[in-house]
Amino acid sequence: MSPLTFEEHRHSFLAIIDDMAMMMLSFVRAIILIVELFFAPSPALREALIALDLFIAFIFTLEFVIRFTISKSRPLFMKTYWWELLAAIPLSSEFIQAFRLLRLARFVRLILHVRALWRESHTVGMYRIT
């Protein structure tokens, strides 16, 4: 395995930053969901939670559109990440809100990116440094 080029390393680093930001927004959305489902927020708080949820949904949708636009294979991208688009939809139905939690699956992707970068940074030529 050859070492990463600067551009590949930069791309991997940016992908990790993107995944971390989306993961943090996913956690915020999960907290919003928990507050809406298990507590009785005041009307003012509920309005603020809905506004925050709409903003986060906009960020998720924008990020999805950007990744879709720059993907090399758009059909493969849609086949692989269609669920992220569903998870970005801000709906009030409890059944549909469960799709939001799918965004947390990005955490797995983040771990895989970090692990791959760590392995690549500890590889010299064909030999791994342990």
N, C-alpha and C. Protein backbone atom coordinates (compact mmCIF):
# COMPACT_ATOMS: atom_id res chain seq x y z
N MET A 1 0.84 -1.17 0.00
CA MET A 1 0.00 0.00 0.00
C MET A 1 0.89 1.23 0.00
N SER A 2 0.67 2.15 -0.91
CA SER A 2 1.50 3.34 -0.98
C SER A 2 0.96 4.41 -0.05
N PRO A 3 1.85 5.28 0.43
CA PRO A 3 1.40 6.35 1.32
C PRO A 3 0.43 7.28 0.60
N LEU A 4 -0.41 7.94 1.38
CA LEU A 4 -1.38 8.87 0.81
C LEU A 4 -0.68 10.08 0.23
N THR A 5 -1.20 10.58 -0.88
CA THR A 5 -0.71 11.85 -1.40
C THR A 5 -1.27 12.96 -0.52
N PHE A 6 -0.73 14.16 -0.67
CA PHE A 6 -1.22 15.29 0.11
C PHE A 6 -2.71 15.51 -0.14
N GLU A 7 -3.12 15.43 -1.39
CA GLU A 7 -4.53 15.67 -1.73
C GLU A 7 -5.43 14.60 -1.13
N GLU A 8 -4.99 13.35 -1.17
CA GLU A 8 -5.79 12.26 -0.57
C GLU A 8 -5.87 12.43 0.94
N HIS A 9 -4.76 12.83 1.56
CA HIS A 9 -4.75 13.05 3.00
C HIS A 9 -5.68 14.21 3.36
N ARG A 10 -5.62 15.29 2.60
CA ARG A 10 -6.47 16.46 2.82
C ARG A 10 -7.93 16.07 2.68
N HIS A 11 -8.24 15.27 1.66
CA HIS A 11 -9.62 14.84 1.44
C HIS A 11 -10.09 13.97 2.60
N SER A 12 -9.25 13.06 3.07
CA SER A 12 -9.62 12.20 4.19
C SER A 12 -9.82 13.03 5.45
N PHE A 13 -8.96 14.01 5.68
CA PHE A 13 -9.09 14.87 6.85
C PHE A 13 -10.39 15.66 6.79
N LEU A 14 -10.71 16.22 5.63
CA LEU A 14 -11.95 16.98 5.47
C LEU A 14 -13.17 16.08 5.65
N ALA A 15 -13.08 14.83 5.19
CA ALA A 15 -14.19 13.89 5.37
C ALA A 15 -14.41 13.61 6.85
N ILE A 16 -13.33 13.51 7.61
CA ILE A 16 -13.45 13.27 9.04
C ILE A 16 -14.07 14.48 9.73
N ILE A 17 -13.64 15.68 9.36
CA ILE A 17 -14.22 16.90 9.94
C ILE A 17 -15.71 16.97 9.62
N ASP A 18 -16.06 16.69 8.36
CA ASP A 18 -17.47 16.69 7.95
C ASP A 18 -18.26 15.68 8.76
N ASP A 19 -17.74 14.48 8.90
CA ASP A 19 -18.45 13.45 9.65
C ASP A 19 -18.61 13.84 11.12
N MET A 20 -17.58 14.45 11.70
CA MET A 20 -17.67 14.87 13.10
C MET A 20 -18.73 15.96 13.27
N ALA A 21 -18.76 16.92 12.35
CA ALA A 21 -19.75 17.99 12.44
C ALA A 21 -21.17 17.43 12.28
N MET A 22 -21.35 16.53 11.32
CA MET A 22 -22.67 15.94 11.13
C MET A 22 -23.07 15.06 12.31
N MET A 23 -22.09 14.41 12.92
CA MET A 23 -22.37 13.59 14.09
C MET A 23 -22.82 14.46 15.26
N MET A 24 -22.16 15.61 15.45
CA MET A 24 -22.57 16.51 16.52
C MET A 24 -23.98 17.04 16.29
N LEU A 25 -24.28 17.39 15.05
CA LEU A 25 -25.64 17.84 14.73
C LEU A 25 -26.65 16.72 14.94
N SER A 26 -26.24 15.49 14.66
CA SER A 26 -27.12 14.34 14.90
C SER A 26 -27.44 14.19 16.38
N PHE A 27 -26.44 14.39 17.22
CA PHE A 27 -26.66 14.31 18.66
C PHE A 27 -27.60 15.42 19.13
N VAL A 28 -27.42 16.63 18.59
CA VAL A 28 -28.33 17.73 18.93
C VAL A 28 -29.75 17.37 18.52
N ARG A 29 -29.88 16.81 17.33
CA ARG A 29 -31.20 16.41 16.86
C ARG A 29 -31.79 15.30 17.73
N ALA A 30 -30.97 14.39 18.19
CA ALA A 30 -31.46 13.32 19.07
C ALA A 30 -31.95 13.92 20.39
N ILE A 31 -31.24 14.92 20.90
CA ILE A 31 -31.68 15.59 22.13
C ILE A 31 -33.01 16.30 21.90
N ILE A 32 -33.14 16.96 20.75
CA ILE A 32 -34.41 17.61 20.42
C ILE A 32 -35.54 16.58 20.39
N LEU A 33 -35.27 15.45 19.78
CA LEU A 33 -36.27 14.38 19.70
C LEU A 33 -36.66 13.89 21.09
N ILE A 34 -35.67 13.68 21.95
CA ILE A 34 -35.94 13.21 23.31
C ILE A 34 -36.77 14.23 24.09
N VAL A 35 -36.40 15.50 23.96
CA VAL A 35 -37.15 16.55 24.65
C VAL A 35 -38.59 16.59 24.17
N GLU A 36 -38.78 16.51 22.84
CA GLU A 36 -40.15 16.56 22.29
C GLU A 36 -40.98 15.34 22.70
N LEU A 37 -40.35 14.17 22.77
CA LEU A 37 -41.11 12.95 23.05
C LEU A 37 -41.36 12.70 24.53
N PHE A 38 -40.39 13.02 25.40
CA PHE A 38 -40.49 12.61 26.78
C PHE A 38 -40.78 13.75 27.76
N PHE A 39 -40.69 14.96 27.31
CA PHE A 39 -40.97 16.11 28.18
C PHE A 39 -42.07 16.93 27.53
N ALA A 40 -42.67 17.78 28.29
CA ALA A 40 -43.72 18.65 27.75
C ALA A 40 -43.15 20.06 27.64
N PRO A 41 -42.46 20.33 26.52
CA PRO A 41 -41.86 21.66 26.40
C PRO A 41 -42.93 22.73 26.28
N SER A 42 -42.63 23.89 26.80
CA SER A 42 -43.56 25.02 26.68
C SER A 42 -43.70 25.37 25.20
N PRO A 43 -44.77 26.06 24.85
CA PRO A 43 -44.94 26.44 23.43
C PRO A 43 -43.75 27.24 22.88
N ALA A 44 -43.18 28.11 23.70
CA ALA A 44 -42.03 28.91 23.23
C ALA A 44 -40.82 28.01 22.99
N LEU A 45 -40.57 27.08 23.92
CA LEU A 45 -39.45 26.16 23.75
C LEU A 45 -39.68 25.24 22.55
N ARG A 46 -40.91 24.79 22.39
CA ARG A 46 -41.23 23.92 21.24
C ARG A 46 -40.97 24.65 19.93
N GLU A 47 -41.36 25.92 19.86
CA GLU A 47 -41.10 26.71 18.64
C GLU A 47 -39.60 26.84 18.39
N ALA A 48 -38.82 27.06 19.46
CA ALA A 48 -37.37 27.17 19.31
C ALA A 48 -36.77 25.84 18.86
N LEU A 49 -37.26 24.74 19.41
CA LEU A 49 -36.77 23.41 19.00
C LEU A 49 -37.10 23.13 17.54
N ILE A 50 -38.29 23.52 17.12
CA ILE A 50 -38.68 23.32 15.72
C ILE A 50 -37.78 24.15 14.80
N ALA A 51 -37.52 25.40 15.19
CA ALA A 51 -36.65 26.26 14.37
C ALA A 51 -35.24 25.67 14.28
N LEU A 52 -34.71 25.20 15.42
CA LEU A 52 -33.38 24.58 15.42
C LEU A 52 -33.38 23.32 14.56
N ASP A 53 -34.44 22.54 14.67
CA ASP A 53 -34.56 21.32 13.88
C ASP A 53 -34.58 21.63 12.38
N LEU A 54 -35.32 22.67 12.00
CA LEU A 54 -35.36 23.06 10.59
C LEU A 54 -33.99 23.52 10.09
N PHE A 55 -33.27 24.25 10.93
CA PHE A 55 -31.93 24.69 10.56
C PHE A 55 -31.00 23.50 10.37
N ILE A 56 -31.05 22.55 11.30
CA ILE A 56 -30.21 21.35 11.19
C ILE A 56 -30.60 20.54 9.96
N ALA A 57 -31.89 20.44 9.68
CA ALA A 57 -32.35 19.73 8.48
C ALA A 57 -31.80 20.40 7.22
N PHE A 58 -31.78 21.72 7.21
CA PHE A 58 -31.21 22.45 6.08
C PHE A 58 -29.74 22.12 5.90
N ILE A 59 -28.98 22.10 7.01
CA ILE A 59 -27.54 21.77 6.95
C ILE A 59 -27.35 20.34 6.43
N PHE A 60 -28.13 19.39 6.95
CA PHE A 60 -28.03 18.00 6.48
C PHE A 60 -28.33 17.89 4.99
N THR A 61 -29.37 18.57 4.56
CA THR A 61 -29.76 18.51 3.15
C THR A 61 -28.69 19.15 2.28
N LEU A 62 -28.16 20.29 2.70
CA LEU A 62 -27.10 20.96 1.95
C LEU A 62 -25.87 20.07 1.84
N GLU A 63 -25.48 19.46 2.94
CA GLU A 63 -24.32 18.58 2.94
C GLU A 63 -24.55 17.38 2.01
N PHE A 64 -25.76 16.83 2.04
CA PHE A 64 -26.10 15.71 1.17
C PHE A 64 -26.00 16.12 -0.30
N VAL A 65 -26.55 17.28 -0.63
CA VAL A 65 -26.54 17.75 -2.02
C VAL A 65 -25.10 18.00 -2.49
N ILE A 66 -24.28 18.57 -1.63
CA ILE A 66 -22.88 18.81 -2.01
C ILE A 66 -22.17 17.49 -2.27
N ARG A 67 -22.32 16.53 -1.35
CA ARG A 67 -21.66 15.23 -1.55
C ARG A 67 -22.20 14.52 -2.78
N PHE A 68 -23.49 14.63 -3.04
CA PHE A 68 -24.09 14.02 -4.23
C PHE A 68 -23.51 14.65 -5.49
N THR A 69 -23.39 15.98 -5.48
CA THR A 69 -22.90 16.70 -6.65
C THR A 69 -21.46 16.35 -6.99
N ILE A 70 -20.61 16.17 -5.98
CA ILE A 70 -19.20 15.89 -6.25
C ILE A 70 -18.89 14.39 -6.33
N SER A 71 -19.88 13.55 -6.09
CA SER A 71 -19.61 12.10 -6.14
C SER A 71 -19.29 11.67 -7.57
N LYS A 72 -18.45 10.66 -7.68
CA LYS A 72 -18.05 10.16 -9.00
C LYS A 72 -19.15 9.32 -9.63
N SER A 73 -19.92 8.64 -8.81
CA SER A 73 -21.01 7.80 -9.31
C SER A 73 -22.29 8.16 -8.56
N ARG A 74 -23.09 9.00 -9.15
CA ARG A 74 -24.31 9.45 -8.48
C ARG A 74 -25.30 8.32 -8.23
N PRO A 75 -25.50 7.40 -9.17
CA PRO A 75 -26.41 6.28 -8.86
C PRO A 75 -25.92 5.44 -7.67
N LEU A 76 -24.61 5.20 -7.62
CA LEU A 76 -24.06 4.43 -6.49
C LEU A 76 -24.20 5.23 -5.19
N PHE A 77 -23.98 6.54 -5.28
CA PHE A 77 -24.13 7.40 -4.10
C PHE A 77 -25.56 7.31 -3.56
N MET A 78 -26.54 7.43 -4.45
CA MET A 78 -27.94 7.36 -4.01
C MET A 78 -28.27 5.98 -3.45
N LYS A 79 -27.72 4.95 -4.07
CA LYS A 79 -27.97 3.59 -3.60
C LYS A 79 -27.39 3.38 -2.20
N THR A 80 -26.26 4.03 -1.93
CA THR A 80 -25.57 3.85 -0.65
C THR A 80 -26.10 4.77 0.44
N TYR A 81 -26.42 6.01 0.10
CA TYR A 81 -26.72 7.02 1.12
C TYR A 81 -28.16 7.55 1.08
N TRP A 82 -29.08 6.85 0.47
CA TRP A 82 -30.46 7.32 0.36
C TRP A 82 -31.07 7.57 1.73
N TRP A 83 -30.70 6.78 2.71
CA TRP A 83 -31.27 6.91 4.05
C TRP A 83 -30.89 8.22 4.72
N GLU A 84 -29.75 8.80 4.35
CA GLU A 84 -29.35 10.09 4.93
C GLU A 84 -30.30 11.20 4.50
N LEU A 85 -30.81 11.09 3.29
CA LEU A 85 -31.77 12.08 2.82
C LEU A 85 -33.07 11.96 3.62
N LEU A 86 -33.51 10.74 3.88
CA LEU A 86 -34.70 10.54 4.71
C LEU A 86 -34.49 11.08 6.12
N ALA A 87 -33.30 10.86 6.65
CA ALA A 87 -33.00 11.30 8.02
C ALA A 87 -32.98 12.81 8.14
N ALA A 88 -32.80 13.52 7.04
CA ALA A 88 -32.74 14.98 7.08
C ALA A 88 -34.12 15.63 7.10
N ILE A 89 -35.16 14.87 6.83
CA ILE A 89 -36.51 15.44 6.74
C ILE A 89 -37.03 15.78 8.13
N PRO A 90 -37.40 17.04 8.35
CA PRO A 90 -37.93 17.42 9.66
C PRO A 90 -39.45 17.24 9.71
N LEU A 91 -39.89 16.12 10.23
CA LEU A 91 -41.32 15.86 10.35
C LEU A 91 -41.68 15.68 11.82
N SER A 92 -42.92 15.95 12.15
CA SER A 92 -43.32 15.88 13.55
C SER A 92 -43.82 14.50 13.96
N SER A 93 -44.08 13.62 13.02
CA SER A 93 -44.56 12.29 13.35
C SER A 93 -43.47 11.51 14.09
N GLU A 94 -43.83 10.85 15.20
CA GLU A 94 -42.85 10.10 15.97
C GLU A 94 -42.23 8.96 15.16
N PHE A 95 -43.03 8.34 14.31
CA PHE A 95 -42.52 7.25 13.48
C PHE A 95 -41.44 7.76 12.53
N ILE A 96 -41.71 8.88 11.89
CA ILE A 96 -40.75 9.45 10.93
C ILE A 96 -39.53 9.99 11.67
N GLN A 97 -39.71 10.51 12.88
CA GLN A 97 -38.58 11.04 13.63
C GLN A 97 -37.53 9.98 13.93
N ALA A 98 -37.93 8.73 13.95
CA ALA A 98 -36.96 7.65 14.19
C ALA A 98 -35.91 7.60 13.09
N PHE A 99 -36.25 8.06 11.89
CA PHE A 99 -35.27 8.09 10.80
C PHE A 99 -34.12 9.03 11.11
N ARG A 100 -34.37 10.04 11.94
CA ARG A 100 -33.31 10.98 12.29
C ARG A 100 -32.16 10.26 12.97
N LEU A 101 -32.49 9.28 13.77
CA LEU A 101 -31.46 8.58 14.52
C LEU A 101 -30.52 7.81 13.59
N LEU A 102 -30.94 7.60 12.34
CA LEU A 102 -30.06 6.94 11.38
C LEU A 102 -28.80 7.75 11.11
N ARG A 103 -28.89 9.06 11.32
CA ARG A 103 -27.71 9.90 11.10
C ARG A 103 -26.57 9.51 12.04
N LEU A 104 -26.92 8.92 13.15
CA LEU A 104 -25.87 8.50 14.09
C LEU A 104 -25.01 7.39 13.49
N ALA A 105 -25.51 6.75 12.44
CA ALA A 105 -24.72 5.71 11.79
C ALA A 105 -23.46 6.30 11.15
N ARG A 106 -23.43 7.60 10.97
CA ARG A 106 -22.23 8.24 10.44
C ARG A 106 -21.07 8.09 11.41
N PHE A 107 -21.39 7.88 12.68
CA PHE A 107 -20.34 7.68 13.67
C PHE A 107 -19.46 6.50 13.29
N VAL A 108 -20.08 5.45 12.79
CA VAL A 108 -19.32 4.27 12.35
C VAL A 108 -18.38 4.65 11.22
N ARG A 109 -18.88 5.43 10.29
CA ARG A 109 -18.06 5.87 9.17
C ARG A 109 -16.89 6.72 9.65
N LEU A 110 -17.13 7.58 10.64
CA LEU A 110 -16.07 8.40 11.20
C LEU A 110 -14.98 7.53 11.81
N ILE A 111 -15.37 6.54 12.57
CA ILE A 111 -14.39 5.63 13.19
C ILE A 111 -13.56 4.94 12.11
N LEU A 112 -14.20 4.50 11.04
CA LEU A 112 -13.47 3.83 9.96
C LEU A 112 -12.48 4.78 9.29
N HIS A 113 -12.86 6.04 9.09
CA HIS A 113 -11.94 7.03 8.51
C HIS A 113 -10.74 7.25 9.41
N VAL A 114 -10.98 7.44 10.69
CA VAL A 114 -9.88 7.69 11.62
C VAL A 114 -8.95 6.49 11.66
N ARG A 115 -9.52 5.30 11.70
CA ARG A 115 -8.71 4.08 11.73
C ARG A 115 -7.85 3.95 10.47
N ALA A 116 -8.44 4.24 9.30
CA ALA A 116 -7.69 4.14 8.05
C ALA A 116 -6.57 5.18 8.00
N LEU A 117 -6.84 6.39 8.45
CA LEU A 117 -5.80 7.41 8.48
C LEU A 117 -4.68 7.04 9.45
N TRP A 118 -5.04 6.49 10.60
CA TRP A 118 -4.04 6.09 11.58
C TRP A 118 -3.16 4.99 11.00
N ARG A 119 -3.77 4.01 10.37
CA ARG A 119 -2.98 2.92 9.76
C ARG A 119 -2.06 3.45 8.67
N GLU A 120 -2.59 4.35 7.84
CA GLU A 120 -1.80 4.90 6.74
C GLU A 120 -0.64 5.73 7.27
N SER A 121 -0.87 6.46 8.36
CA SER A 121 0.20 7.28 8.92
C SER A 121 1.27 6.45 9.61
N HIS A 122 0.97 5.21 9.92
CA HIS A 122 1.93 4.32 10.58
C HIS A 122 2.47 3.26 9.62
N THR A 123 2.38 3.53 8.33
CA THR A 123 2.87 2.59 7.33
C THR A 123 4.03 3.24 6.58
N VAL A 124 5.12 2.52 6.47
CA VAL A 124 6.27 3.00 5.70
C VAL A 124 6.51 1.98 4.60
N GLY A 125 6.30 2.41 3.36
CA GLY A 125 6.48 1.49 2.25
C GLY A 125 5.48 0.35 2.37
N MET A 126 5.99 -0.87 2.42
CA MET A 126 5.13 -2.04 2.53
C MET A 126 5.07 -2.56 3.96
N TYR A 127 5.81 -1.92 4.89
CA TYR A 127 5.90 -2.45 6.25
C TYR A 127 5.15 -1.55 7.22
N ARG A 128 4.38 -2.18 8.09
CA ARG A 128 3.65 -1.43 9.12
C ARG A 128 4.57 -1.19 10.32
N ILE A 129 4.44 -0.02 10.89
CA ILE A 129 5.17 0.31 12.11
C ILE A 129 4.22 0.03 13.26
N THR A 130 4.64 -0.81 14.18
CA THR A 130 3.77 -1.12 15.32
C THR A 130 4.30 -0.57 16.61
